Amino acid sequence: MIPGWWIWYYWICPVAWTVYGIITAQYGDVNNKIDLMNGNTTIVRMYVEERLGYDHDFLGVVAMVLVAFSVFFALMYAFCIKYLNFQQR
């Protein structure tokens, strides 16, 4: 349900990946029934897959992407500290 011109932000945002991982890890394998507001019932796992589009099998990829984000930001920090010196003497 994200506009097409904004989908790139979803893929490069570490917060979006974190939310995906948290929801998938917590609710992606739960088989309890829930009542929806329209009077229907469904399984939590199916609701997460159908309504939110979160797939539990994608959890490994999410973990790797979050580790890659952490390594990338740590390397960028180290690079910037070493090579960008804005102090003038």
Protein backbone atom coordinates (compact mmCIF):
# COMPACT_ATOMS: atom_id res chain seq x y z
CA MET A 1 0.00 0.00 0.00
CA ILE A 2 3.08 2.25 -0.26
CA PRO A 3 3.01 4.63 -3.25
CA GLY A 4 5.18 3.44 -6.13
CA TRP A 5 7.44 6.47 -6.08
CA TRP A 6 8.30 5.85 -2.40
CA ILE A 7 9.07 2.13 -2.50
CA TRP A 8 12.83 2.79 -2.76
CA TYR A 9 12.78 4.35 0.71
CA TYR A 10 11.23 1.21 2.15
CA TRP A 11 14.10 -0.95 0.86
CA ILE A 12 16.91 1.31 2.15
CA CYS A 13 15.39 2.10 5.55
CA PRO A 14 16.86 0.07 8.45
CA VAL A 15 13.80 0.81 10.59
CA ALA A 16 11.50 -0.82 8.01
CA TRP A 17 13.70 -3.92 7.97
CA THR A 18 13.68 -4.00 11.78
CA VAL A 19 9.89 -3.76 11.97
CA TYR A 20 9.60 -6.49 9.32
CA GLY A 21 11.91 -8.73 11.37
CA ILE A 22 10.16 -8.08 14.68
CA ILE A 23 6.65 -8.70 13.36
CA THR A 24 7.70 -11.75 11.37
CA ALA A 25 9.66 -13.29 14.23
CA GLN A 26 6.88 -12.73 16.77
CA TYR A 27 3.76 -13.44 14.72
CA GLY A 28 4.92 -15.23 11.56
CA ASP A 29 4.50 -18.73 12.98
CA VAL A 30 1.54 -18.27 15.36
CA ASN A 31 -1.41 -20.51 14.43
CA ASN A 32 -4.00 -19.07 16.86
CA LYS A 33 -7.32 -17.86 15.52
CA ILE A 34 -8.23 -14.18 15.74
CA ASP A 35 -11.54 -12.40 15.17
CA LEU A 36 -11.48 -9.61 12.63
CA MET A 37 -13.62 -6.49 12.83
CA ASN A 38 -15.78 -7.60 9.90
CA GLY A 39 -16.89 -10.71 11.80
CA ASN A 40 -14.58 -13.19 10.08
CA THR A 41 -11.92 -15.27 11.77
CA THR A 42 -8.46 -16.04 10.48
CA ILE A 43 -5.13 -17.39 11.69
CA VAL A 44 -2.52 -14.89 12.91
CA ARG A 45 0.09 -16.26 10.49
CA MET A 46 -2.27 -15.87 7.53
CA TYR A 47 -3.25 -12.35 8.60
CA VAL A 48 0.40 -11.29 8.76
CA GLU A 49 1.09 -12.79 5.32
CA GLU A 50 -2.03 -11.57 3.55
CA ARG A 51 -2.68 -8.18 5.11
CA LEU A 52 0.86 -7.00 5.89
CA GLY A 53 2.72 -8.96 3.22
CA TYR A 54 5.31 -10.28 5.69
CA ASP A 55 6.65 -13.76 4.92
CA HIS A 56 8.17 -15.81 7.76
CA ASP A 57 10.54 -17.58 5.35
CA PHE A 58 12.15 -14.20 4.56
CA LEU A 59 13.39 -13.82 8.15
CA GLY A 60 16.92 -15.03 7.36
CA VAL A 61 17.30 -12.41 4.63
CA VAL A 62 16.05 -9.74 7.03
CA ALA A 63 18.69 -10.76 9.58
CA MET A 64 21.46 -10.60 6.96
CA VAL A 65 20.31 -7.18 5.76
CA LEU A 66 20.28 -5.81 9.31
CA VAL A 67 23.80 -7.12 9.90
CA ALA A 68 24.88 -5.59 6.57
CA PHE A 69 23.40 -2.23 7.60
CA SER A 70 25.32 -2.37 10.89
CA VAL A 71 28.60 -3.22 9.17
CA PHE A 72 28.05 -0.55 6.51
CA PHE A 73 27.37 2.20 9.05
CA ALA A 74 30.34 1.12 11.21
CA LEU A 75 32.66 1.19 8.17
CA MET A 76 31.31 4.57 7.07
CA TYR A 77 31.90 5.93 10.57
CA ALA A 78 35.47 4.63 10.60
CA PHE A 79 36.13 6.01 7.12
CA CYS A 80 34.74 9.43 7.96
CA ILE A 81 36.66 9.67 11.23
CA LYS A 82 39.90 8.75 9.48
CA TYR A 83 39.70 10.76 6.24
CA LEU A 84 37.36 13.68 6.90
CA ASN A 85 39.11 16.16 9.11
CA PHE A 86 37.41 19.53 9.22
CA GLN A 87 39.76 21.06 11.77
CA GLN A 88 42.02 23.77 10.40
CA ARG A 89 45.26 24.55 12.18
